[in-house]
C-alpha cells in the first residue's frame, strides 16, 4: 500500500527476488533487505524465443523427413542407369556425380534429422566408420567442376 491505497501491478508478473543481509555494528545479520526486480518482459521474450526455436526444429525435421522419399527415388533411378552397359564415358561420369550428390544429400538429410533429434532432447547416435578423404574430396571437386567448368 502507498498512502493507504492498494498498489497493483496488474496481472501476473515474474519477479526475481534477492535477499541481502542487513548487518548491525557487530557484523551480525539483524534482518534482510529484499530487492525485487520485475523480469516479466525478459521471461516473455525467453519463452517466445524458445517457442520459435522449437518451431524451427520441428520444421527442419518435417522437411528433412519429407526429402527422404524423392532422394530415394533419385538413388534408385541413378543406380539403374549406372548398371547400363551402353553408357559412354561422359554419361558414366554424370551418373557417378548424380549418385555421389544424392548420397551426400541423403547424408545431409540424416544429419539434419539427427540435429533436430538432439535439439529436441533425443541425443545423437554416432556411427564411426572408415572413409577415404581423397575419394570424398575428389567427388566434391568433380561436382563443382561440372557446375562451374
N, C-alpha and C. Protein backbone atom coordinates (compact mmCIF):
# COMPACT_ATOMS: atom_id res chain seq x y z
N UNK A 1 0.84 -1.18 0.00
CA UNK A 1 0.00 0.00 0.00
C UNK A 1 0.88 1.24 0.00
N UNK A 2 0.37 2.24 -0.68
CA UNK A 2 1.07 3.51 -0.73
C UNK A 2 0.08 4.57 -0.29
N UNK A 3 0.33 5.19 0.87
CA UNK A 3 -0.59 6.17 1.45
C UNK A 3 -1.98 5.58 1.64
N UNK A 4 -2.07 4.34 2.09
CA UNK A 4 -3.35 3.73 2.39
C UNK A 4 -4.11 3.25 1.16
N UNK A 5 -3.52 3.37 -0.03
CA UNK A 5 -4.19 2.94 -1.26
C UNK A 5 -3.46 1.70 -1.77
N UNK A 6 -4.20 0.62 -2.06
CA UNK A 6 -3.52 -0.59 -2.56
C UNK A 6 -2.83 -0.30 -3.89
N UNK A 7 -1.62 -0.83 -4.04
CA UNK A 7 -0.83 -0.66 -5.26
C UNK A 7 -0.88 -1.96 -6.05
N UNK A 8 -1.37 -1.93 -7.28
CA UNK A 8 -1.49 -3.15 -8.08
C UNK A 8 -0.66 -3.01 -9.34
N UNK A 9 0.09 -4.08 -9.66
CA UNK A 9 0.89 -4.10 -10.89
C UNK A 9 0.04 -4.51 -12.08
N UNK A 10 -1.03 -5.21 -11.83
CA UNK A 10 -1.91 -5.66 -12.91
C UNK A 10 -1.45 -6.96 -13.51
N UNK A 11 -2.22 -8.01 -13.37
CA UNK A 11 -1.89 -9.30 -13.96
C UNK A 11 -0.78 -10.03 -13.22
N UNK A 12 -0.36 -11.11 -13.83
CA UNK A 12 0.71 -11.93 -13.25
C UNK A 12 2.06 -11.37 -13.68
N UNK A 13 2.98 -11.31 -12.75
CA UNK A 13 4.31 -10.79 -13.03
C UNK A 13 5.35 -11.83 -12.64
N UNK A 14 6.45 -11.83 -13.36
CA UNK A 14 7.61 -12.63 -12.97
C UNK A 14 8.57 -11.69 -12.26
N UNK A 15 9.00 -12.12 -11.07
CA UNK A 15 9.84 -11.26 -10.24
C UNK A 15 11.05 -12.05 -9.76
N UNK A 16 12.22 -11.44 -9.85
CA UNK A 16 13.43 -12.02 -9.27
C UNK A 16 13.61 -11.36 -7.91
N UNK A 17 13.74 -12.18 -6.86
CA UNK A 17 13.89 -11.67 -5.50
C UNK A 17 15.29 -12.01 -5.01
N UNK A 18 15.97 -10.97 -4.51
CA UNK A 18 17.31 -11.15 -3.94
C UNK A 18 17.27 -10.65 -2.50
N UNK A 19 17.75 -11.46 -1.58
CA UNK A 19 17.80 -11.07 -0.17
C UNK A 19 19.24 -10.74 0.20
N UNK A 20 19.44 -9.55 0.72
CA UNK A 20 20.76 -9.13 1.20
C UNK A 20 20.67 -8.92 2.71
N UNK A 21 21.64 -9.44 3.44
CA UNK A 21 21.57 -9.27 4.90
C UNK A 21 21.80 -7.81 5.31
N UNK A 22 21.04 -7.40 6.32
CA UNK A 22 21.24 -6.08 6.93
C UNK A 22 22.03 -6.35 8.20
N UNK A 23 23.25 -5.83 8.29
CA UNK A 23 24.15 -6.16 9.40
C UNK A 23 24.21 -5.01 10.43
N UNK A 24 24.30 -5.43 11.69
CA UNK A 24 24.44 -4.44 12.76
C UNK A 24 25.91 -4.07 12.92
N UNK A 25 26.21 -3.26 13.94
CA UNK A 25 27.59 -2.77 14.18
C UNK A 25 28.56 -3.92 14.42
N UNK A 26 28.10 -5.02 14.97
CA UNK A 26 28.96 -6.18 15.23
C UNK A 26 29.13 -7.06 13.98
N UNK A 27 28.46 -6.74 12.92
CA UNK A 27 28.57 -7.52 11.69
C UNK A 27 27.59 -8.68 11.61
N UNK A 28 26.71 -8.78 12.58
CA UNK A 28 25.73 -9.86 12.58
C UNK A 28 24.50 -9.45 11.77
N UNK A 29 23.88 -10.42 11.13
CA UNK A 29 22.69 -10.13 10.34
C UNK A 29 21.52 -9.84 11.28
N UNK A 30 21.01 -8.63 11.21
CA UNK A 30 19.85 -8.23 12.01
C UNK A 30 18.57 -8.40 11.21
N UNK A 31 18.67 -8.56 9.96
CA UNK A 31 17.49 -8.69 9.10
C UNK A 31 17.96 -8.77 7.66
N UNK A 32 17.03 -8.64 6.81
CA UNK A 32 17.34 -8.74 5.38
C UNK A 32 16.61 -7.64 4.62
N UNK A 33 17.24 -7.25 3.55
CA UNK A 33 16.62 -6.31 2.62
C UNK A 33 16.30 -7.11 1.36
N UNK A 34 15.04 -7.07 0.96
CA UNK A 34 14.62 -7.81 -0.23
C UNK A 34 14.61 -6.85 -1.42
N UNK A 35 15.28 -7.27 -2.48
CA UNK A 35 15.27 -6.50 -3.72
C UNK A 35 14.42 -7.26 -4.72
N UNK A 36 13.46 -6.58 -5.29
CA UNK A 36 12.57 -7.20 -6.27
C UNK A 36 12.83 -6.57 -7.64
N UNK A 37 12.99 -7.43 -8.64
CA UNK A 37 13.20 -6.95 -10.00
C UNK A 37 12.15 -7.59 -10.89
N UNK A 38 11.37 -6.77 -11.57
CA UNK A 38 10.33 -7.27 -12.48
C UNK A 38 11.03 -7.78 -13.74
N UNK A 39 10.92 -9.09 -13.99
CA UNK A 39 11.55 -9.70 -15.18
C UNK A 39 10.49 -10.29 -16.11
N UNK A 40 9.28 -9.75 -16.03
CA UNK A 40 8.17 -10.26 -16.84
C UNK A 40 8.48 -10.18 -18.33
N UNK A 41 8.93 -9.04 -18.80
CA UNK A 41 9.22 -8.86 -20.23
C UNK A 41 10.34 -9.80 -20.66
N UNK A 42 11.38 -9.90 -19.86
CA UNK A 42 12.51 -10.79 -20.17
C UNK A 42 12.03 -12.24 -20.29
N UNK A 43 11.21 -12.68 -19.34
CA UNK A 43 10.69 -14.06 -19.38
C UNK A 43 9.84 -14.30 -20.61
N UNK A 44 8.99 -13.34 -20.94
CA UNK A 44 8.14 -13.50 -22.12
C UNK A 44 8.97 -13.60 -23.39
N UNK A 45 10.03 -12.80 -23.47
CA UNK A 45 10.93 -12.88 -24.62
C UNK A 45 11.63 -14.24 -24.68
N UNK A 46 12.07 -14.73 -23.52
CA UNK A 46 12.72 -16.04 -23.47
C UNK A 46 11.77 -17.13 -23.95
N UNK A 47 10.52 -17.08 -23.51
CA UNK A 47 9.53 -18.08 -23.92
C UNK A 47 9.28 -17.98 -25.42
N UNK A 48 9.16 -16.75 -25.94
CA UNK A 48 8.92 -16.57 -27.37
C UNK A 48 10.09 -17.09 -28.20
N UNK A 49 11.31 -16.83 -27.76
CA UNK A 49 12.50 -17.32 -28.47
C UNK A 49 12.55 -18.84 -28.43
N UNK A 50 12.22 -19.41 -27.29
CA UNK A 50 12.22 -20.87 -27.16
C UNK A 50 11.16 -21.50 -28.06
N UNK A 51 9.98 -20.92 -28.09
CA UNK A 51 8.92 -21.45 -28.97
C UNK A 51 9.33 -21.36 -30.44
N UNK A 52 9.95 -20.23 -30.81
CA UNK A 52 10.40 -20.05 -32.19
C UNK A 52 11.44 -21.11 -32.56
N UNK A 53 12.39 -21.34 -31.67
CA UNK A 53 13.44 -22.34 -31.92
C UNK A 53 12.83 -23.73 -32.03
N UNK A 54 11.86 -24.06 -31.18
CA UNK A 54 11.20 -25.37 -31.26
C UNK A 54 10.44 -25.52 -32.57
N UNK A 55 9.76 -24.45 -32.99
CA UNK A 55 9.04 -24.47 -34.26
C UNK A 55 10.02 -24.72 -35.41
N UNK A 56 11.14 -24.00 -35.40
CA UNK A 56 12.13 -24.17 -36.46
C UNK A 56 12.68 -25.59 -36.48
N UNK A 57 12.94 -26.15 -35.30
CA UNK A 57 13.45 -27.52 -35.24
C UNK A 57 12.43 -28.50 -35.79
N UNK A 58 11.16 -28.32 -35.43
CA UNK A 58 10.12 -29.20 -35.95
C UNK A 58 10.01 -29.07 -37.47
N UNK A 59 10.10 -27.84 -37.96
CA UNK A 59 10.02 -27.61 -39.41
C UNK A 59 11.18 -28.28 -40.13
N UNK A 60 12.38 -28.13 -39.59
CA UNK A 60 13.55 -28.79 -40.19
C UNK A 60 13.35 -30.30 -40.20
N UNK A 61 12.82 -30.83 -39.11
CA UNK A 61 12.56 -32.27 -39.04
C UNK A 61 11.57 -32.73 -40.07
N UNK A 62 10.49 -31.97 -40.24
CA UNK A 62 9.45 -32.35 -41.21
C UNK A 62 10.00 -32.30 -42.63
N UNK A 63 10.68 -31.19 -42.97
CA UNK A 63 11.22 -31.03 -44.32
C UNK A 63 12.26 -32.11 -44.59
N UNK A 64 13.14 -32.36 -43.64
CA UNK A 64 14.18 -33.38 -43.83
C UNK A 64 13.55 -34.75 -44.05
N UNK A 65 12.55 -35.05 -43.24
CA UNK A 65 11.88 -36.35 -43.36
C UNK A 65 11.23 -36.49 -44.73
N UNK A 66 10.57 -35.42 -45.19
CA UNK A 66 9.88 -35.46 -46.48
C UNK A 66 10.84 -35.50 -47.66
N UNK A 67 12.07 -35.06 -47.50
CA UNK A 67 13.05 -35.11 -48.59
C UNK A 67 13.59 -36.52 -48.82
N UNK A 68 13.44 -37.39 -47.85
CA UNK A 68 14.00 -38.74 -48.00
C UNK A 68 13.38 -39.51 -49.16
N UNK A 69 12.07 -39.39 -49.37
CA UNK A 69 11.42 -40.14 -50.46
C UNK A 69 11.91 -39.73 -51.84
N UNK A 70 11.94 -38.43 -52.19
CA UNK A 70 12.45 -38.10 -53.52
C UNK A 70 13.93 -38.46 -53.68
N UNK A 71 14.70 -38.34 -52.62
CA UNK A 71 16.11 -38.72 -52.72
C UNK A 71 16.25 -40.22 -52.97
N UNK A 72 15.40 -41.00 -52.33
CA UNK A 72 15.43 -42.46 -52.56
C UNK A 72 15.09 -42.77 -54.01
N UNK A 73 14.11 -42.07 -54.57
CA UNK A 73 13.74 -42.28 -55.97
C UNK A 73 14.90 -41.93 -56.90
N UNK A 74 15.59 -40.83 -56.60
CA UNK A 74 16.75 -40.44 -57.40
C UNK A 74 17.83 -41.51 -57.32
N UNK A 75 18.09 -41.98 -56.12
CA UNK A 75 19.13 -43.00 -55.95
C UNK A 75 18.77 -44.29 -56.68
N UNK A 76 17.51 -44.71 -56.62
CA UNK A 76 17.09 -45.92 -57.34
C UNK A 76 17.26 -45.75 -58.85
N UNK A 77 16.82 -44.60 -59.36
CA UNK A 77 16.92 -44.35 -60.80
C UNK A 77 18.36 -44.29 -61.28
N UNK A 78 19.20 -43.61 -60.55
CA UNK A 78 20.59 -43.47 -60.97
C UNK A 78 21.34 -44.80 -60.81
N UNK A 79 20.94 -45.61 -59.85
CA UNK A 79 21.56 -46.94 -59.71
C UNK A 79 21.23 -47.80 -60.93
N UNK A 80 19.99 -47.71 -61.40
CA UNK A 80 19.60 -48.46 -62.60
C UNK A 80 20.38 -47.96 -63.81
N UNK A 81 20.56 -46.65 -63.91
CA UNK A 81 21.33 -46.08 -65.02
C UNK A 81 22.79 -46.53 -64.96
N UNK A 82 23.35 -46.59 -63.76
CA UNK A 82 24.76 -46.96 -63.61
C UNK A 82 25.01 -48.39 -64.05
N UNK A 83 24.00 -49.26 -63.98
CA UNK A 83 24.16 -50.66 -64.38
C UNK A 83 24.10 -50.86 -65.89
N UNK A 84 23.69 -49.84 -66.60
CA UNK A 84 23.59 -49.96 -68.06
C UNK A 84 25.00 -50.04 -68.65
N UNK A 85 25.16 -50.88 -69.63
CA UNK A 85 26.47 -51.08 -70.24
C UNK A 85 26.67 -50.21 -71.48
N UNK A 86 25.61 -49.58 -71.98
CA UNK A 86 25.72 -48.80 -73.21
C UNK A 86 26.05 -47.32 -72.97
N UNK A 87 26.46 -46.97 -71.75
CA UNK A 87 26.79 -45.57 -71.44
C UNK A 87 28.19 -45.23 -71.91
N UNK A 88 28.35 -44.05 -72.52
CA UNK A 88 29.69 -43.59 -72.87
C UNK A 88 30.36 -43.04 -71.61
N UNK A 89 31.62 -42.70 -71.72
CA UNK A 89 32.40 -42.26 -70.55
C UNK A 89 31.82 -40.99 -69.93
N UNK A 90 31.42 -40.05 -70.77
CA UNK A 90 30.86 -38.79 -70.27
C UNK A 90 29.57 -39.05 -69.49
N UNK A 91 28.70 -39.89 -70.03
CA UNK A 91 27.44 -40.22 -69.35
C UNK A 91 27.71 -40.96 -68.05
N UNK A 92 28.68 -41.87 -68.06
CA UNK A 92 29.02 -42.62 -66.86
C UNK A 92 29.50 -41.66 -65.75
N UNK A 93 30.32 -40.67 -66.12
CA UNK A 93 30.79 -39.69 -65.13
C UNK A 93 29.61 -38.89 -64.58
N UNK A 94 28.68 -38.51 -65.44
CA UNK A 94 27.49 -37.77 -64.99
C UNK A 94 26.67 -38.60 -64.02
N UNK A 95 26.48 -39.88 -64.35
CA UNK A 95 25.72 -40.77 -63.47
C UNK A 95 26.42 -40.90 -62.12
N UNK A 96 27.74 -41.02 -62.15
CA UNK A 96 28.51 -41.13 -60.90
C UNK A 96 28.36 -39.86 -60.06
N UNK A 97 28.41 -38.70 -60.72
CA UNK A 97 28.24 -37.44 -59.99
C UNK A 97 26.84 -37.35 -59.38
N UNK A 98 25.84 -37.78 -60.12
CA UNK A 98 24.47 -37.76 -59.59
C UNK A 98 24.37 -38.70 -58.39
N UNK A 99 24.96 -39.90 -58.50
CA UNK A 99 24.95 -40.84 -57.38
C UNK A 99 25.61 -40.23 -56.16
N UNK A 100 26.79 -39.64 -56.35
CA UNK A 100 27.51 -39.06 -55.22
C UNK A 100 26.73 -37.90 -54.60
N UNK A 101 26.13 -37.07 -55.45
CA UNK A 101 25.36 -35.93 -54.94
C UNK A 101 24.14 -36.42 -54.16
N UNK A 102 23.45 -37.42 -54.69
CA UNK A 102 22.27 -37.96 -54.00
C UNK A 102 22.66 -38.60 -52.66
N UNK A 103 23.80 -39.29 -52.63
CA UNK A 103 24.27 -39.89 -51.38
C UNK A 103 24.62 -38.81 -50.36
N UNK A 104 25.29 -37.73 -50.83
CA UNK A 104 25.62 -36.63 -49.92
C UNK A 104 24.35 -35.95 -49.42
N UNK A 105 23.38 -35.73 -50.30
CA UNK A 105 22.12 -35.10 -49.89
C UNK A 105 21.41 -35.98 -48.86
N UNK A 106 21.45 -37.29 -49.06
CA UNK A 106 20.83 -38.21 -48.11
C UNK A 106 21.53 -38.12 -46.76
N UNK A 107 22.86 -38.03 -46.77
CA UNK A 107 23.60 -37.88 -45.51
C UNK A 107 23.26 -36.56 -44.83
N UNK A 108 23.12 -35.48 -45.63
CA UNK A 108 22.76 -34.18 -45.06
C UNK A 108 21.38 -34.24 -44.40
N UNK A 109 20.44 -34.90 -45.07
CA UNK A 109 19.10 -35.05 -44.50
C UNK A 109 19.18 -35.83 -43.19
N UNK A 110 19.98 -36.89 -43.20
CA UNK A 110 20.16 -37.68 -41.98
C UNK A 110 20.78 -36.83 -40.88
N UNK A 111 21.77 -36.01 -41.25
CA UNK A 111 22.40 -35.12 -40.26
C UNK A 111 21.40 -34.10 -39.71
N UNK A 112 20.55 -33.55 -40.59
CA UNK A 112 19.53 -32.61 -40.12
C UNK A 112 18.55 -33.29 -39.17
N UNK A 113 18.17 -34.51 -39.49
CA UNK A 113 17.27 -35.25 -38.60
C UNK A 113 17.95 -35.53 -37.26
N UNK A 114 19.23 -35.89 -37.30
CA UNK A 114 19.98 -36.11 -36.06
C UNK A 114 20.06 -34.82 -35.24
N UNK A 115 20.35 -33.71 -35.94
CA UNK A 115 20.45 -32.42 -35.27
C UNK A 115 19.12 -32.05 -34.61
N UNK A 116 18.04 -32.25 -35.34
CA UNK A 116 16.71 -31.95 -34.80
C UNK A 116 16.42 -32.82 -33.59
N UNK A 117 16.75 -34.10 -33.69
CA UNK A 117 16.52 -35.01 -32.57
C UNK A 117 17.35 -34.58 -31.36
N UNK A 118 18.59 -34.17 -31.59
CA UNK A 118 19.44 -33.74 -30.49
C UNK A 118 18.90 -32.47 -29.84
N UNK A 119 18.44 -31.52 -30.67
CA UNK A 119 17.91 -30.26 -30.16
C UNK A 119 16.63 -30.46 -29.36
N UNK A 120 15.86 -31.46 -29.75
CA UNK A 120 14.59 -31.71 -29.06
C UNK A 120 14.76 -32.70 -27.92
N UNK A 121 16.00 -33.04 -27.59
CA UNK A 121 16.25 -33.82 -26.39
C UNK A 121 16.53 -35.29 -26.58
N UNK A 122 16.64 -35.77 -27.81
CA UNK A 122 16.84 -37.20 -28.02
C UNK A 122 18.29 -37.64 -28.12
N UNK A 123 19.23 -36.70 -28.23
CA UNK A 123 20.63 -37.05 -28.39
C UNK A 123 20.94 -37.48 -29.82
N UNK A 124 22.21 -37.69 -30.11
CA UNK A 124 22.65 -38.09 -31.45
C UNK A 124 23.37 -39.43 -31.36
N UNK A 125 22.96 -40.35 -32.25
CA UNK A 125 23.63 -41.64 -32.34
C UNK A 125 24.88 -41.47 -33.22
N UNK A 126 26.01 -41.96 -32.78
CA UNK A 126 27.26 -41.82 -33.52
C UNK A 126 27.65 -43.17 -34.10
N UNK A 127 27.93 -43.15 -35.39
CA UNK A 127 28.40 -44.36 -36.07
C UNK A 127 29.76 -44.07 -36.69
N UNK A 128 30.79 -44.67 -36.16
CA UNK A 128 32.13 -44.48 -36.70
C UNK A 128 32.36 -45.47 -37.83
N UNK A 129 33.03 -45.00 -38.88
CA UNK A 129 33.38 -45.88 -39.98
C UNK A 129 34.53 -45.26 -40.74
N UNK A 130 35.33 -46.08 -41.37
CA UNK A 130 36.47 -45.53 -42.13
C UNK A 130 35.98 -44.81 -43.38
N UNK A 131 36.74 -43.81 -43.81
CA UNK A 131 36.39 -43.06 -45.01
C UNK A 131 37.67 -42.68 -45.74
N UNK A 132 37.58 -42.63 -47.06
CA UNK A 132 38.71 -42.21 -47.88
C UNK A 132 38.54 -40.72 -48.16
N UNK A 133 39.32 -39.90 -47.48
CA UNK A 133 39.21 -38.45 -47.59
C UNK A 133 39.51 -37.97 -49.02
N UNK A 134 40.47 -38.60 -49.67
CA UNK A 134 40.81 -38.22 -51.05
C UNK A 134 39.63 -38.51 -52.00
N UNK A 135 39.00 -39.65 -51.83
CA UNK A 135 37.86 -40.00 -52.68
C UNK A 135 36.69 -39.04 -52.43
N UNK A 136 36.45 -38.74 -51.18
CA UNK A 136 35.38 -37.81 -50.82
C UNK A 136 35.64 -36.43 -51.43
N UNK A 137 36.86 -35.94 -51.30
CA UNK A 137 37.23 -34.63 -51.85
C UNK A 137 37.13 -34.63 -53.36
N UNK A 138 37.59 -35.69 -54.00
CA UNK A 138 37.54 -35.79 -55.46
C UNK A 138 36.09 -35.71 -55.93
N UNK A 139 35.17 -36.36 -55.24
CA UNK A 139 33.75 -36.31 -55.61
C UNK A 139 33.19 -34.90 -55.54
N UNK A 140 33.56 -34.17 -54.51
CA UNK A 140 33.08 -32.79 -54.36
C UNK A 140 33.66 -31.91 -55.46
N UNK A 141 34.96 -32.09 -55.74
CA UNK A 141 35.62 -31.30 -56.80
C UNK A 141 34.98 -31.60 -58.15
N UNK A 142 34.70 -32.87 -58.43
CA UNK A 142 34.05 -33.24 -59.70
C UNK A 142 32.70 -32.55 -59.84
N UNK A 143 31.91 -32.50 -58.77
CA UNK A 143 30.61 -31.84 -58.83
C UNK A 143 30.75 -30.35 -59.07
N UNK A 144 31.70 -29.72 -58.38
CA UNK A 144 31.90 -28.28 -58.55
C UNK A 144 32.37 -27.99 -59.95
N UNK A 145 33.30 -28.82 -60.47
CA UNK A 145 33.78 -28.63 -61.85
C UNK A 145 32.65 -28.80 -62.85
N UNK A 146 31.74 -29.73 -62.61
CA UNK A 146 30.62 -29.94 -63.52
C UNK A 146 29.68 -28.73 -63.52
N UNK A 147 29.50 -28.13 -62.35
CA UNK A 147 28.61 -26.98 -62.24
C UNK A 147 29.27 -25.70 -62.74
N UNK A 148 30.57 -25.59 -62.55
CA UNK A 148 31.33 -24.39 -62.93
C UNK A 148 32.58 -24.78 -63.71
N UNK A 149 32.41 -25.14 -64.99
CA UNK A 149 33.57 -25.59 -65.77
C UNK A 149 34.61 -24.49 -65.92
